[in-house]
């Protein structure tokens, strides 16, 4: 899975990371907070599958990433709320 930050503070930084499908979105946001130094409360996440450019919002923090159908080769976009 590739994490892509689209926040001005990180200049489009990217990172590949192996994520467990049982990981909750809250845990993912904590990881992103550590990696990109973006406050968890200011994160807005979206996901694209490897073969599709359509973005799917990741809105429910209590769900696992498996709920969103995330698979290897996909991208998680990180944006910062104002």
Protein backbone atom coordinates (compact mmCIF):
# COMPACT_ATOMS: atom_id res chain seq x y z
CA UNK A 1 0.00 0.00 0.00
CA UNK A 2 1.32 3.43 -0.85
CA UNK A 3 0.63 6.37 1.45
CA UNK A 4 0.60 9.68 -0.45
CA UNK A 5 0.48 12.96 1.42
CA UNK A 6 -1.08 15.86 -0.46
CA UNK A 7 -0.58 18.27 2.42
CA UNK A 8 1.42 21.45 1.91
CA UNK A 9 3.52 20.74 5.00
CA UNK A 10 4.90 17.48 3.54
CA UNK A 11 5.50 18.46 -0.10
CA UNK A 12 3.80 15.37 -1.58
CA UNK A 13 5.82 12.87 0.44
CA UNK A 14 5.13 9.19 -0.39
CA UNK A 15 5.79 6.00 1.52
CA UNK A 16 5.12 2.34 0.80
CA UNK A 17 3.90 0.40 3.79
CA UNK A 18 2.60 -3.12 4.37
CA UNK A 19 -0.67 -2.81 6.29
CA UNK A 20 -2.65 -5.51 8.06
CA UNK A 21 -6.22 -5.82 6.79
CA UNK A 22 -7.37 -5.96 10.42
CA UNK A 23 -5.91 -2.51 11.13
CA UNK A 24 -8.56 0.01 12.15
CA UNK A 25 -8.72 3.40 10.47
CA UNK A 26 -7.87 5.01 13.85
CA UNK A 27 -4.63 2.99 13.91
CA UNK A 28 -3.91 3.96 10.30
CA UNK A 29 -4.39 7.64 11.14
CA UNK A 30 -2.03 7.30 14.13
CA UNK A 31 0.60 5.76 11.83
CA UNK A 32 0.12 8.54 9.28
CA UNK A 33 0.40 11.10 12.07
CA UNK A 34 3.80 9.70 13.04
CA UNK A 35 5.09 9.32 9.48
CA UNK A 36 3.89 12.61 8.00
CA UNK A 37 3.58 14.68 11.21
CA UNK A 38 -0.08 15.49 10.53
CA UNK A 39 -2.50 15.78 13.45
CA UNK A 40 -4.94 12.85 13.49
CA UNK A 41 -7.92 15.19 13.89
CA UNK A 42 -6.93 17.11 10.74
CA UNK A 43 -6.56 14.08 8.46
CA UNK A 44 -8.93 13.34 5.60
CA UNK A 45 -8.20 10.04 3.86
CA UNK A 46 -9.21 8.58 0.50
CA UNK A 47 -8.31 5.31 -1.23
CA UNK A 48 -7.84 4.26 -4.85
CA UNK A 49 -7.56 0.66 -6.03
CA UNK A 50 -4.63 -0.37 -8.26
CA UNK A 51 -6.71 -0.70 -11.43
CA UNK A 52 -9.05 2.25 -10.81
CA UNK A 53 -8.52 5.99 -10.35
CA UNK A 54 -11.84 6.53 -8.57
CA UNK A 55 -11.31 7.80 -5.03
CA UNK A 56 -13.24 6.28 -2.15
CA UNK A 57 -13.42 8.33 1.07
CA UNK A 58 -12.28 6.63 4.24
CA UNK A 59 -14.73 8.15 6.68
CA UNK A 60 -15.48 5.67 9.48
CA UNK A 61 -12.60 5.52 11.95
CA UNK A 62 -14.04 2.44 13.70
CA UNK A 63 -13.87 0.27 10.56
CA UNK A 64 -10.95 -1.89 9.50
CA UNK A 65 -9.13 -1.17 6.25
CA UNK A 66 -10.47 -4.48 4.95
CA UNK A 67 -13.98 -2.98 5.11
CA UNK A 68 -12.90 -0.50 2.43
CA UNK A 69 -11.61 -3.29 0.16
CA UNK A 70 -8.02 -2.07 0.32
CA UNK A 71 -5.49 -4.29 -1.41
CA UNK A 72 -1.78 -4.32 -2.21
CA UNK A 73 -0.89 -1.81 -4.90
CA UNK A 74 -3.60 0.63 -3.82
CA UNK A 75 -2.98 4.20 -2.69
CA UNK A 76 -4.17 6.05 0.38
CA UNK A 77 -4.23 9.81 -0.09
CA UNK A 78 -3.76 11.99 2.96
CA UNK A 79 -5.21 15.48 2.96
CA UNK A 80 -5.32 18.06 5.72
CA UNK A 81 -8.58 19.59 6.87
CA UNK A 82 -8.56 23.34 7.46
